[in-house]
N, C-alpha and C. Protein backbone atom coordinates (compact mmCIF):
# COMPACT_ATOMS: atom_id res chain seq x y z
N MET A 1 0.83 -1.17 0.00
CA MET A 1 0.00 0.00 0.00
C MET A 1 0.89 1.25 0.00
N PRO A 2 0.51 2.25 -0.78
CA PRO A 2 1.30 3.49 -0.80
C PRO A 2 1.09 4.33 0.46
N VAL A 3 2.11 5.11 0.76
CA VAL A 3 2.07 6.02 1.90
C VAL A 3 1.87 7.43 1.35
N TYR A 4 0.87 8.13 1.87
CA TYR A 4 0.57 9.48 1.42
C TYR A 4 0.84 10.48 2.54
N GLN A 5 1.29 11.67 2.17
CA GLN A 5 1.52 12.74 3.14
C GLN A 5 0.32 13.68 3.15
N TYR A 6 -0.05 14.10 4.33
CA TYR A 6 -1.17 15.02 4.51
C TYR A 6 -0.73 16.22 5.32
N LEU A 7 -1.45 17.33 5.15
CA LEU A 7 -1.19 18.55 5.90
C LEU A 7 -2.52 19.08 6.42
N CYS A 8 -2.54 19.37 7.71
CA CYS A 8 -3.74 19.96 8.32
C CYS A 8 -3.65 21.48 8.16
N PRO A 9 -4.63 22.12 7.53
CA PRO A 9 -4.56 23.57 7.34
C PRO A 9 -4.79 24.35 8.63
N LYS A 10 -5.38 23.73 9.64
CA LYS A 10 -5.68 24.42 10.89
C LYS A 10 -4.46 24.47 11.83
N CYS A 11 -3.82 23.31 12.07
CA CYS A 11 -2.70 23.28 13.03
C CYS A 11 -1.35 23.04 12.35
N ASN A 12 -1.33 22.95 11.00
CA ASN A 12 -0.11 22.76 10.20
C ASN A 12 0.66 21.49 10.54
N LEU A 13 -0.04 20.47 11.00
CA LEU A 13 0.60 19.19 11.28
C LEU A 13 0.74 18.41 9.98
N ARG A 14 1.94 17.90 9.74
CA ARG A 14 2.17 17.01 8.60
C ARG A 14 2.20 15.58 9.12
N PHE A 15 1.46 14.69 8.45
CA PHE A 15 1.45 13.30 8.87
C PHE A 15 1.29 12.41 7.64
N GLU A 16 1.56 11.12 7.83
CA GLU A 16 1.50 10.15 6.74
C GLU A 16 0.44 9.11 7.05
N LEU A 17 -0.21 8.63 5.99
CA LEU A 17 -1.19 7.56 6.09
C LEU A 17 -0.95 6.54 5.00
N LYS A 18 -1.11 5.26 5.36
CA LYS A 18 -1.09 4.20 4.36
C LYS A 18 -2.52 4.01 3.87
N GLN A 19 -2.69 4.10 2.57
CA GLN A 19 -4.04 3.95 2.00
C GLN A 19 -3.95 3.16 0.70
N ASN A 20 -5.04 2.49 0.39
CA ASN A 20 -5.15 1.82 -0.91
C ASN A 20 -5.34 2.86 -2.00
N PHE A 21 -5.08 2.45 -3.24
CA PHE A 21 -5.30 3.36 -4.37
C PHE A 21 -6.77 3.73 -4.49
N SER A 22 -7.65 2.82 -4.13
CA SER A 22 -9.08 3.05 -4.30
C SER A 22 -9.69 3.87 -3.16
N ASP A 23 -8.95 4.09 -2.06
CA ASP A 23 -9.48 4.86 -0.94
C ASP A 23 -9.62 6.34 -1.29
N GLU A 24 -10.57 7.00 -0.64
CA GLU A 24 -10.74 8.44 -0.80
C GLU A 24 -9.54 9.15 -0.18
N SER A 25 -9.22 10.34 -0.68
CA SER A 25 -8.08 11.09 -0.15
C SER A 25 -8.46 11.94 1.06
N ILE A 26 -9.65 11.71 1.61
CA ILE A 26 -10.10 12.46 2.78
C ILE A 26 -9.46 11.86 4.03
N ALA A 27 -8.85 12.72 4.86
CA ALA A 27 -8.21 12.27 6.09
C ALA A 27 -8.52 13.25 7.20
N THR A 28 -8.43 12.77 8.42
CA THR A 28 -8.67 13.60 9.60
C THR A 28 -7.35 13.78 10.35
N CYS A 29 -7.08 15.00 10.77
CA CYS A 29 -5.87 15.31 11.51
C CYS A 29 -5.90 14.59 12.87
N PRO A 30 -4.83 13.87 13.22
CA PRO A 30 -4.82 13.17 14.52
C PRO A 30 -4.73 14.12 15.73
N ARG A 31 -4.28 15.35 15.51
CA ARG A 31 -4.13 16.30 16.62
C ARG A 31 -5.42 17.07 16.89
N CYS A 32 -6.00 17.69 15.84
CA CYS A 32 -7.15 18.57 16.08
C CYS A 32 -8.46 18.04 15.45
N GLN A 33 -8.41 16.90 14.81
CA GLN A 33 -9.59 16.27 14.19
C GLN A 33 -10.19 17.08 13.06
N ASN A 34 -9.41 18.01 12.49
CA ASN A 34 -9.84 18.80 11.36
C ASN A 34 -9.57 18.01 10.07
N GLY A 35 -10.21 18.38 9.00
CA GLY A 35 -9.95 17.74 7.71
C GLY A 35 -8.58 18.14 7.18
N ALA A 36 -7.83 17.18 6.67
CA ALA A 36 -6.49 17.43 6.14
C ALA A 36 -6.51 17.23 4.64
N ARG A 37 -5.52 17.82 3.97
CA ARG A 37 -5.43 17.68 2.51
C ARG A 37 -4.15 16.95 2.15
N ARG A 38 -4.23 16.19 1.07
CA ARG A 38 -3.10 15.40 0.61
C ARG A 38 -2.06 16.29 -0.05
N LEU A 39 -0.80 16.04 0.24
CA LEU A 39 0.30 16.77 -0.37
C LEU A 39 0.86 15.95 -1.52
N PHE A 40 1.21 16.62 -2.57
CA PHE A 40 1.81 15.97 -3.73
C PHE A 40 3.23 16.46 -3.89
N SER A 41 4.13 15.57 -4.22
CA SER A 41 5.52 15.94 -4.44
C SER A 41 6.02 15.23 -5.69
N PRO A 42 6.99 15.82 -6.37
CA PRO A 42 7.50 15.19 -7.59
C PRO A 42 8.26 13.90 -7.28
N VAL A 43 8.17 12.98 -8.21
CA VAL A 43 8.86 11.71 -8.07
C VAL A 43 10.25 11.85 -8.69
N PRO A 44 11.30 11.50 -7.96
CA PRO A 44 12.64 11.62 -8.53
C PRO A 44 12.91 10.52 -9.56
N ILE A 45 13.56 10.90 -10.63
CA ILE A 45 13.95 9.94 -11.67
C ILE A 45 15.47 9.96 -11.75
N ILE A 46 16.08 8.80 -11.61
CA ILE A 46 17.53 8.71 -11.66
C ILE A 46 17.92 7.76 -12.79
N PHE A 47 18.71 8.26 -13.74
CA PHE A 47 19.21 7.44 -14.82
C PHE A 47 20.63 7.03 -14.47
N LYS A 48 20.85 5.72 -14.35
CA LYS A 48 22.17 5.23 -14.03
C LYS A 48 22.68 4.39 -15.19
N GLY A 49 23.95 4.54 -15.49
CA GLY A 49 24.57 3.73 -16.53
C GLY A 49 24.35 4.31 -17.91
N SER A 50 24.84 3.59 -18.88
CA SER A 50 24.69 4.04 -20.27
C SER A 50 23.56 3.28 -20.93
N GLY A 51 23.29 3.66 -22.16
CA GLY A 51 22.26 2.96 -22.91
C GLY A 51 20.96 3.71 -23.02
N PHE A 52 20.91 4.97 -22.57
CA PHE A 52 19.68 5.73 -22.65
C PHE A 52 19.54 6.48 -23.97
N TYR A 53 20.63 6.62 -24.69
CA TYR A 53 20.62 7.35 -25.94
C TYR A 53 21.24 6.50 -27.03
N VAL A 54 20.91 6.77 -28.27
CA VAL A 54 21.45 6.02 -29.40
C VAL A 54 22.96 6.18 -29.45
N THR A 55 23.46 7.34 -29.09
CA THR A 55 24.89 7.60 -29.20
C THR A 55 25.71 6.95 -28.08
N ASP A 56 25.07 6.43 -27.04
CA ASP A 56 25.82 5.82 -25.94
C ASP A 56 26.59 4.58 -26.37
N ASN A 57 25.95 3.73 -27.15
CA ASN A 57 26.58 2.48 -27.56
C ASN A 57 26.95 2.47 -29.04
N ALA A 58 26.78 3.57 -29.71
CA ALA A 58 26.97 3.60 -31.15
C ALA A 58 28.43 3.37 -31.55
N THR A 59 29.37 3.85 -30.78
CA THR A 59 30.77 3.70 -31.17
C THR A 59 31.25 2.27 -31.00
N LYS A 60 30.59 1.50 -30.15
CA LYS A 60 31.01 0.11 -29.93
C LYS A 60 30.69 -0.79 -31.12
N ASN A 61 29.53 -0.60 -31.73
CA ASN A 61 29.13 -1.51 -32.79
C ASN A 61 28.87 -0.80 -34.12
N GLY A 62 29.17 0.46 -34.22
CA GLY A 62 29.01 1.18 -35.47
C GLY A 62 27.57 1.54 -35.79
N ALA A 63 26.68 1.48 -34.82
CA ALA A 63 25.27 1.76 -35.06
C ALA A 63 25.05 3.21 -35.49
N LEU A 64 25.82 4.13 -34.95
CA LEU A 64 25.66 5.54 -35.31
C LEU A 64 26.02 5.76 -36.77
N ASP A 65 27.08 5.12 -37.24
CA ASP A 65 27.46 5.23 -38.64
C ASP A 65 26.36 4.67 -39.54
N ASN A 66 25.77 3.55 -39.15
CA ASN A 66 24.69 2.95 -39.94
C ASN A 66 23.47 3.87 -39.99
N ILE A 67 23.15 4.52 -38.88
CA ILE A 67 22.01 5.42 -38.86
C ILE A 67 22.25 6.61 -39.78
N LYS A 68 23.46 7.17 -39.72
CA LYS A 68 23.78 8.31 -40.58
C LYS A 68 23.72 7.91 -42.05
N LYS A 69 24.26 6.73 -42.39
CA LYS A 69 24.23 6.27 -43.78
C LYS A 69 22.80 6.08 -44.26
N ASN A 70 21.95 5.50 -43.42
CA ASN A 70 20.55 5.28 -43.80
C ASN A 70 19.81 6.59 -44.01
N LYS A 71 20.06 7.57 -43.14
CA LYS A 71 19.41 8.87 -43.31
C LYS A 71 19.86 9.55 -44.60
N LYS A 72 21.17 9.46 -44.89
CA LYS A 72 21.69 10.07 -46.11
C LYS A 72 21.10 9.37 -47.34
N ALA A 73 21.01 8.03 -47.29
CA ALA A 73 20.44 7.29 -48.41
C ALA A 73 18.98 7.65 -48.62
N ASP A 74 18.24 7.84 -47.52
CA ASP A 74 16.84 8.24 -47.64
C ASP A 74 16.70 9.62 -48.28
N LYS A 75 17.57 10.55 -47.89
CA LYS A 75 17.52 11.89 -48.46
C LYS A 75 17.90 11.85 -49.94
N ASP A 76 18.91 11.08 -50.28
CA ASP A 76 19.31 10.98 -51.70
C ASP A 76 18.21 10.33 -52.51
N GLY A 77 17.54 9.32 -51.94
CA GLY A 77 16.44 8.67 -52.65
C GLY A 77 15.27 9.59 -52.85
N ASP A 78 15.03 10.48 -51.91
CA ASP A 78 13.94 11.44 -52.02
C ASP A 78 14.24 12.44 -53.13
N LYS A 79 15.51 12.83 -53.29
CA LYS A 79 15.88 13.78 -54.34
C LYS A 79 15.67 13.15 -55.71
N GLU A 80 16.03 11.87 -55.84
CA GLU A 80 15.89 11.20 -57.13
C GLU A 80 14.44 10.99 -57.53
N THR A 81 13.60 10.69 -56.56
CA THR A 81 12.19 10.42 -56.88
C THR A 81 11.35 11.69 -56.87
N GLY A 82 11.92 12.80 -56.42
CA GLY A 82 11.21 14.08 -56.45
C GLY A 82 10.28 14.29 -55.30
N LYS A 83 10.48 13.58 -54.22
CA LYS A 83 9.63 13.74 -53.03
C LYS A 83 10.04 14.92 -52.23
């Protein structure tokens, strides 16, 4: 079950609750029993290692050269056919 952060607007208490995805986001503050609102925060994304771009592994197997040749051939073919 995911853990959600809540903030009480009355007493400014921050607290966490475990809730199912299907549960309502309505929560009660444990200190003052006021309604609390869910806080949203960005999810961090960490890219580790290589392989995220075409150019990362291109020098190892010549893939970048093949891509460039194919693009050039496509452009030359377009000129010949009048596209």
